[in-house]
C-alpha atoms as a PDB file:
ATOM      1  CA  MET A   1       0.000   0.000   0.000  1.00  0.00           C
ATOM      2  CA  SER A   2       1.360   3.425  -0.937  1.00  0.00           C
ATOM      3  CA  GLU A   3       1.823   6.365   1.426  1.00  0.00           C
ATOM      4  CA  PRO A   4      -1.380   8.488   1.640  1.00  0.00           C
ATOM      5  CA  ILE A   5      -1.364  11.777  -0.260  1.00  0.00           C
ATOM      6  CA  LEU A   6      -2.934  14.833   1.432  1.00  0.00           C
ATOM      7  CA  ARG A   7      -4.919  17.132  -0.837  1.00  0.00           C
ATOM      8  CA  PRO A   8      -7.859  19.556  -0.709  1.00  0.00           C
ATOM      9  CA  ALA A   9     -11.245  17.944  -1.280  1.00  0.00           C
ATOM     10  CA  THR A  10     -13.409  18.847  -4.256  1.00  0.00           C
ATOM     11  CA  ALA A  11     -17.171  18.659  -4.717  1.00  0.00           C
ATOM     12  CA  ALA A  12     -16.616  15.348  -6.547  1.00  0.00           C
ATOM     13  CA  ASP A  13     -15.318  13.869  -3.262  1.00  0.00           C
ATOM     14  CA  VAL A  14     -18.543  14.562  -1.318  1.00  0.00           C
ATOM     15  CA  PRO A  15     -20.168  11.094  -1.657  1.00  0.00           C
ATOM     16  CA  ALA A  16     -16.934   9.332  -0.633  1.00  0.00           C
ATOM     17  CA  LEU A  17     -16.418  11.804   2.237  1.00  0.00           C
ATOM     18  CA  VAL A  18     -19.930  11.233   3.607  1.00  0.00           C
ATOM     19  CA  ALA A  19     -19.296   7.469   3.523  1.00  0.00           C
ATOM     20  CA  LEU A  20     -15.849   7.815   5.166  1.00  0.00           C
ATOM     21  CA  VAL A  21     -17.042  10.096   7.972  1.00  0.00           C
ATOM     22  CA  THR A  22     -20.062   7.897   8.654  1.00  0.00           C
ATOM     23  CA  SER A  23     -17.910   4.739   8.751  1.00  0.00           C
ATOM     24  CA  ALA A  24     -15.572   6.322  11.327  1.00  0.00           C
ATOM     25  CA  TYR A  25     -18.319   7.362  13.759  1.00  0.00           C
ATOM     26  CA  ARG A  26     -21.631   5.599  13.173  1.00  0.00           C
ATOM     27  CA  GLY A  27     -22.945   2.096  12.797  1.00  0.00           C
ATOM     28  CA  GLU A  28     -21.245  -1.262  13.166  1.00  0.00           C
ATOM     29  CA  SER A  29     -18.326  -0.405  10.863  1.00  0.00           C
ATOM     30  CA  SER A  30     -17.255   2.340  13.282  1.00  0.00           C
ATOM     31  CA  ARG A  31     -16.748  -0.201  16.065  1.00  0.00           C
ATOM     32  CA  ALA A  32     -13.561  -1.407  14.319  1.00  0.00           C
ATOM     33  CA  GLY A  33     -11.899   1.855  15.397  1.00  0.00           C
ATOM     34  CA  TRP A  34     -11.763   3.813  18.630  1.00  0.00           C
ATOM     35  CA  THR A  35     -13.655   6.923  17.414  1.00  0.00           C
ATOM     36  CA  THR A  36     -17.091   5.316  17.325  1.00  0.00           C
ATOM     37  CA  GLU A  37     -20.127   7.250  18.525  1.00  0.00           C
ATOM     38  CA  ALA A  38     -22.440   4.310  17.804  1.00  0.00           C
ATOM     39  CA  ASP A  39     -23.429   3.864  21.459  1.00  0.00           C
ATOM     40  CA  PHE A  40     -24.912   7.357  21.752  1.00  0.00           C
ATOM     41  CA  LEU A  41     -25.624   8.594  18.200  1.00  0.00           C
ATOM     42  CA  ASP A  42     -27.158   7.026  15.121  1.00  0.00           C
ATOM     43  CA  GLY A  43     -27.860   8.359  11.652  1.00  0.00           C
ATOM     44  CA  ASN A  44     -25.811  10.925   9.752  1.00  0.00           C
ATOM     45  CA  ARG A  45     -22.504  12.355  10.966  1.00  0.00           C
ATOM     46  CA  ILE A  46     -22.186  14.894   8.130  1.00  0.00           C
ATOM     47  CA  ASP A  47     -24.650  16.432   5.722  1.00  0.00           C
ATOM     48  CA  ALA A  48     -23.634  16.493   2.024  1.00  0.00           C
ATOM     49  CA  ASP A  49     -24.942  20.041   1.502  1.00  0.00           C
ATOM     50  CA  VAL A  50     -23.062  21.343   4.549  1.00  0.00           C
ATOM     51  CA  LEU A  51     -19.931  19.589   3.285  1.00  0.00           C
ATOM     52  CA  ARG A  52     -20.243  21.134  -0.189  1.00  0.00           C
ATOM     53  CA  ALA A  53     -20.575  24.578   1.418  1.00  0.00           C
ATOM     54  CA  ASP A  54     -17.480  23.955   3.580  1.00  0.00           C
ATOM     55  CA  ILE A  55     -15.472  22.993   0.477  1.00  0.00           C
ATOM     56  CA  ALA A  56     -16.600  26.099  -1.430  1.00  0.00           C
ATOM     57  CA  ARG A  57     -16.338  28.854   1.198  1.00  0.00           C
ATOM     58  CA  PRO A  58     -13.291  31.120   1.533  1.00  0.00           C
ATOM     59  CA  ARG A  59     -10.687  30.320   4.226  1.00  0.00           C
ATOM     60  CA  SER A  60     -12.110  26.857   4.657  1.00  0.00           C
ATOM     61  CA  ARG A  61     -10.429  23.629   3.573  1.00  0.00           C
ATOM     62  CA  VAL A  62     -11.545  20.077   3.696  1.00  0.00           C
ATOM     63  CA  LEU A  63      -8.379  18.007   3.508  1.00  0.00           C
ATOM     64  CA  VAL A  64      -8.399  14.390   2.442  1.00  0.00           C
ATOM     65  CA  ALA A  65      -5.822  11.647   2.664  1.00  0.00           C
ATOM     66  CA  GLU A  66      -6.017   9.468  -0.419  1.00  0.00           C
ATOM     67  CA  GLN A  67      -4.431   6.060  -0.793  1.00  0.00           C
ATOM     68  CA  ASP A  68      -4.513   3.301  -3.390  1.00  0.00           C
ATOM     69  CA  ASP A  69      -8.073   2.283  -2.545  1.00  0.00           C
ATOM     70  CA  GLY A  70      -9.570   5.779  -2.173  1.00  0.00           C
ATOM     71  CA  LEU A  71     -10.110   8.251   0.642  1.00  0.00           C
ATOM     72  CA  VAL A  72      -8.805   7.025   3.993  1.00  0.00           C
ATOM     73  CA  ALA A  73      -8.969  10.160   6.183  1.00  0.00           C
ATOM     74  CA  CYS A  74     -10.283  13.716   6.201  1.00  0.00           C
ATOM     75  CA  ALA A  75     -10.617  16.856   8.294  1.00  0.00           C
ATOM     76  CA  HIS A  76     -12.141  20.300   7.954  1.00  0.00           C
ATOM     77  CA  VAL A  77     -10.238  23.432   8.950  1.00  0.00           C
ATOM     78  CA  ALA A  78     -11.584  26.971   8.676  1.00  0.00           C
ATOM     79  CA  ASP A  79     -11.099  30.537   9.829  1.00  0.00           C
ATOM     80  CA  GLU A  80     -14.003  31.263  12.164  1.00  0.00           C
ATOM     81  CA  ASP A  81     -13.935  34.775  13.573  1.00  0.00           C
ATOM     82  CA  GLY A  82     -10.144  35.005  13.567  1.00  0.00           C
ATOM     83  CA  THR A  83      -9.501  31.596  15.109  1.00  0.00           C
ATOM     84  CA  GLY A  84      -8.921  28.278  13.407  1.00  0.00           C
ATOM     85  CA  TYR A  85     -11.720  25.726  13.647  1.00  0.00           C
ATOM     86  CA  PHE A  86     -11.010  22.003  13.316  1.00  0.00           C
ATOM     87  CA  GLY A  87     -13.698  19.399  12.716  1.00  0.00           C
ATOM     88  CA  MET A  88     -14.963  16.430  10.720  1.00  0.00           C
ATOM     89  CA  PHE A  89     -11.777  14.561  11.651  1.00  0.00           C
ATOM     90  CA  SER A  90     -12.132  11.004  10.379  1.00  0.00           C
ATOM     91  CA  VAL A  91      -9.808   8.094   9.717  1.00  0.00           C
ATOM     92  CA  ARG A  92     -11.038   4.835   8.219  1.00  0.00           C
ATOM     93  CA  PRO A  93     -11.601   2.555  11.249  1.00  0.00           C
ATOM     94  CA  ASP A  94      -9.193  -0.195  10.140  1.00  0.00           C
ATOM     95  CA  LEU A  95      -6.394   2.396   9.763  1.00  0.00           C
ATOM     96  CA  GLN A  96      -6.866   4.194  13.090  1.00  0.00           C
ATOM     97  CA  GLY A  97      -3.893   4.233  15.427  1.00  0.00           C
ATOM     98  CA  ALA A  98      -1.266   4.147  12.654  1.00  0.00           C
ATOM     99  CA  GLY A  99      -0.329   7.848  12.747  1.00  0.00           C
ATOM    100  CA  LEU A 100      -2.363   9.054   9.778  1.00  0.00           C
ATOM    101  CA  GLY A 101      -4.662  11.153  11.963  1.00  0.00           C
ATOM    102  CA  LYS A 102      -1.721  12.846  13.674  1.00  0.00           C
ATOM    103  CA  ARG A 103      -0.262  13.714  10.261  1.00  0.00           C
ATOM    104  CA  LEU A 104      -3.580  15.213   9.127  1.00  0.00           C
ATOM    105  CA  LEU A 105      -4.023  17.175  12.373  1.00  0.00           C
ATOM    106  CA  ASP A 106      -0.462  18.521  12.047  1.00  0.00           C
ATOM    107  CA  GLU A 107      -1.199  19.760   8.514  1.00  0.00           C
ATOM    108  CA  CYS A 108      -4.425  21.458   9.615  1.00  0.00           C
ATOM    109  CA  GLU A 109      -2.565  23.182  12.453  1.00  0.00           C
ATOM    110  CA  ARG A 110       0.130  24.278   9.991  1.00  0.00           C
ATOM    111  CA  ILE A 111      -2.489  25.849   7.705  1.00  0.00           C
ATOM    112  CA  VAL A 112      -4.029  27.791  10.594  1.00  0.00           C
ATOM    113  CA  ARG A 113      -0.686  28.840  12.089  1.00  0.00           C
ATOM    114  CA  GLU A 114       1.401  29.525   8.952  1.00  0.00           C
ATOM    115  CA  ASP A 115      -0.945  30.111   6.000  1.00  0.00           C
ATOM    116  CA  TRP A 116      -3.682  32.025   7.828  1.00  0.00           C
ATOM    117  CA  ARG A 117      -1.524  33.281  10.744  1.00  0.00           C
ATOM    118  CA  LEU A 118      -4.247  32.725  13.333  1.00  0.00           C
ATOM    119  CA  PRO A 119      -3.418  32.589  17.066  1.00  0.00           C
ATOM    120  CA  ALA A 120      -5.273  29.394  17.979  1.00  0.00           C
ATOM    121  CA  MET A 121      -7.235  26.366  16.869  1.00  0.00           C
ATOM    122  CA  ARG A 122     -10.575  25.416  18.427  1.00  0.00           C
ATOM    123  CA  MET A 123     -12.859  22.464  18.079  1.00  0.00           C
ATOM    124  CA  THR A 124     -15.957  21.083  19.726  1.00  0.00           C
ATOM    125  CA  VAL A 125     -16.007  17.558  21.132  1.00  0.00           C
ATOM    126  CA  ILE A 126     -18.892  15.737  22.770  1.00  0.00           C
ATOM    127  CA  ASP A 127     -17.861  16.031  26.407  1.00  0.00           C
ATOM    128  CA  ILE A 128     -18.436  12.360  27.298  1.00  0.00           C
ATOM    129  CA  ARG A 129     -15.747  11.316  24.758  1.00  0.00           C
ATOM    130  CA  ASP A 130     -12.940  10.939  27.316  1.00  0.00           C
ATOM    131  CA  ALA A 131     -10.567   8.943  25.074  1.00  0.00           C
ATOM    132  CA  LEU A 132     -10.937  11.445  22.245  1.00  0.00           C
ATOM    133  CA  ILE A 133     -10.450  14.423  24.561  1.00  0.00           C
ATOM    134  CA  GLY A 134      -7.337  12.691  25.930  1.00  0.00           C
ATOM    135  CA  PHE A 135      -6.016  12.294  22.370  1.00  0.00           C
ATOM    136  CA  TYR A 136      -6.337  16.044  21.813  1.00  0.00           C
ATOM    137  CA  GLU A 137      -4.916  16.936  25.230  1.00  0.00           C
ATOM    138  CA  ARG A 138      -1.784  14.921  24.407  1.00  0.00           C
ATOM    139  CA  ARG A 139      -1.434  17.129  21.332  1.00  0.00           C
ATOM    140  CA  GLY A 140      -1.590  20.385  23.281  1.00  0.00           C
ATOM    141  CA  TYR A 141      -5.322  21.128  23.332  1.00  0.00           C
ATOM    142  CA  ARG A 142      -6.960  22.150  26.584  1.00  0.00           C
ATOM    143  CA  ARG A 143     -10.510  21.959  27.838  1.00  0.00           C
ATOM    144  CA  THR A 144     -11.945  25.471  28.034  1.00  0.00           C
ATOM    145  CA  GLY A 145     -15.009  24.790  30.171  1.00  0.00           C
ATOM    146  CA  VAL A 146     -17.099  26.410  27.427  1.00  0.00           C
ATOM    147  CA  PHE A 147     -20.028  24.199  26.455  1.00  0.00           C
ATOM    148  CA  LYS A 148     -22.362  24.312  23.461  1.00  0.00           C
ATOM    149  CA  PRO A 149     -25.657  22.482  23.098  1.00  0.00           C
ATOM    150  CA  PHE A 150     -25.978  19.411  20.910  1.00  0.00           C
ATOM    151  CA  PRO A 151     -28.313  20.117  17.931  1.00  0.00           C
ATOM    152  CA  TYR A 152     -31.148  17.875  19.109  1.00  0.00           C
ATOM    153  CA  GLY A 153     -33.897  17.669  16.507  1.00  0.00           C
ATOM    154  CA  ASP A 154     -31.577  18.304  13.529  1.00  0.00           C
ATOM    155  CA  PRO A 155     -31.135  14.898  11.859  1.00  0.00           C
ATOM    156  CA  ARG A 156     -28.330  16.270   9.647  1.00  0.00           C
ATOM    157  CA  TYR A 157     -26.022  15.719  12.637  1.00  0.00           C
ATOM    158  CA  GLY A 158     -27.352  12.432  13.922  1.00  0.00           C
ATOM    159  CA  ILE A 159     -30.064  10.860  15.982  1.00  0.00           C
ATOM    160  CA  PRO A 160     -29.164  11.023  19.688  1.00  0.00           C
ATOM    161  CA  LEU A 161     -29.608   7.822  21.674  1.00  0.00           C
ATOM    162  CA  ARG A 162     -29.357   9.717  24.995  1.00  0.00           C
ATOM    163  CA  ASP A 163     -30.495  13.092  26.259  1.00  0.00           C
ATOM    164  CA  ASP A 164     -27.332  14.417  27.951  1.00  0.00           C
ATOM    165  CA  LEU A 165     -25.124  15.222  24.952  1.00  0.00           C
ATOM    166  CA  ARG A 166     -23.304  18.549  24.702  1.00  0.00           C
ATOM    167  CA  PHE A 167     -20.103  19.852  23.175  1.00  0.00           C
ATOM    168  CA  GLU A 168     -17.082  21.255  24.970  1.00  0.00           C
ATOM    169  CA  VAL A 169     -14.743  23.671  23.208  1.00  0.00           C
ATOM    170  CA  LEU A 170     -11.088  22.564  23.155  1.00  0.00           C
ATOM    171  CA  GLU A 171      -8.369  25.039  22.248  1.00  0.00           C
ATOM    172  CA  LYS A 172      -4.702  25.059  21.329  1.00  0.00           C
ATOM    173  CA  ARG A 173      -2.806  28.356  21.303  1.00  0.00           C
ATOM    174  CA  PHE A 174       0.097  28.888  18.880  1.00  0.00           C
ATOM    175  CA  ASP A 175       3.387  30.714  19.496  1.00  0.00           C
ATOM    176  CA  GLY A 176       2.721  31.348  23.168  1.00  0.00           C
ATOM    177  CA  ALA A 177      -0.328  33.518  22.501  1.00  0.00           C
ATOM    178  CA  ALA A 178      -2.233  34.305  25.682  1.00  0.00           C
ATOM    179  CA  ALA A 179      -5.388  32.334  26.337  1.00  0.00           C
END
């Protein structure tokens, strides 16, 4: 198998991206990796129309890692109000834990820090995802204590299987910028 190539996504990638993101988080296929949300969310993880808009908008990039057999990882990075935003981070479940995600995260941080010269990267993570939060903390992100509601009732983002879901904002500052 060849080394994955990182490149910006195009609108033609949307069907494969929806399938990749769903396989990493939802349903039985997601249980092969450690990022599964199958025990507390069902349904969609990403909406194709939202994804197309993310690909098209200025200062927003959906990066994909492509290998011999297609797309194997992706992430979305954008400038949101002068701070980098990181999301839609997905690695094919059978390839998780091999370093591909770290490589993709590093490239997204580089874009925010060097290309866009923003002082920090933020993301939202469902606050019960302790292993995932630990992954980000080991890479320099910190819990901010800022919480956002889960979009209950909007099936574009999934069907909750419990009623206590919420997001916490994680943040990583660059170049010693003050928090």
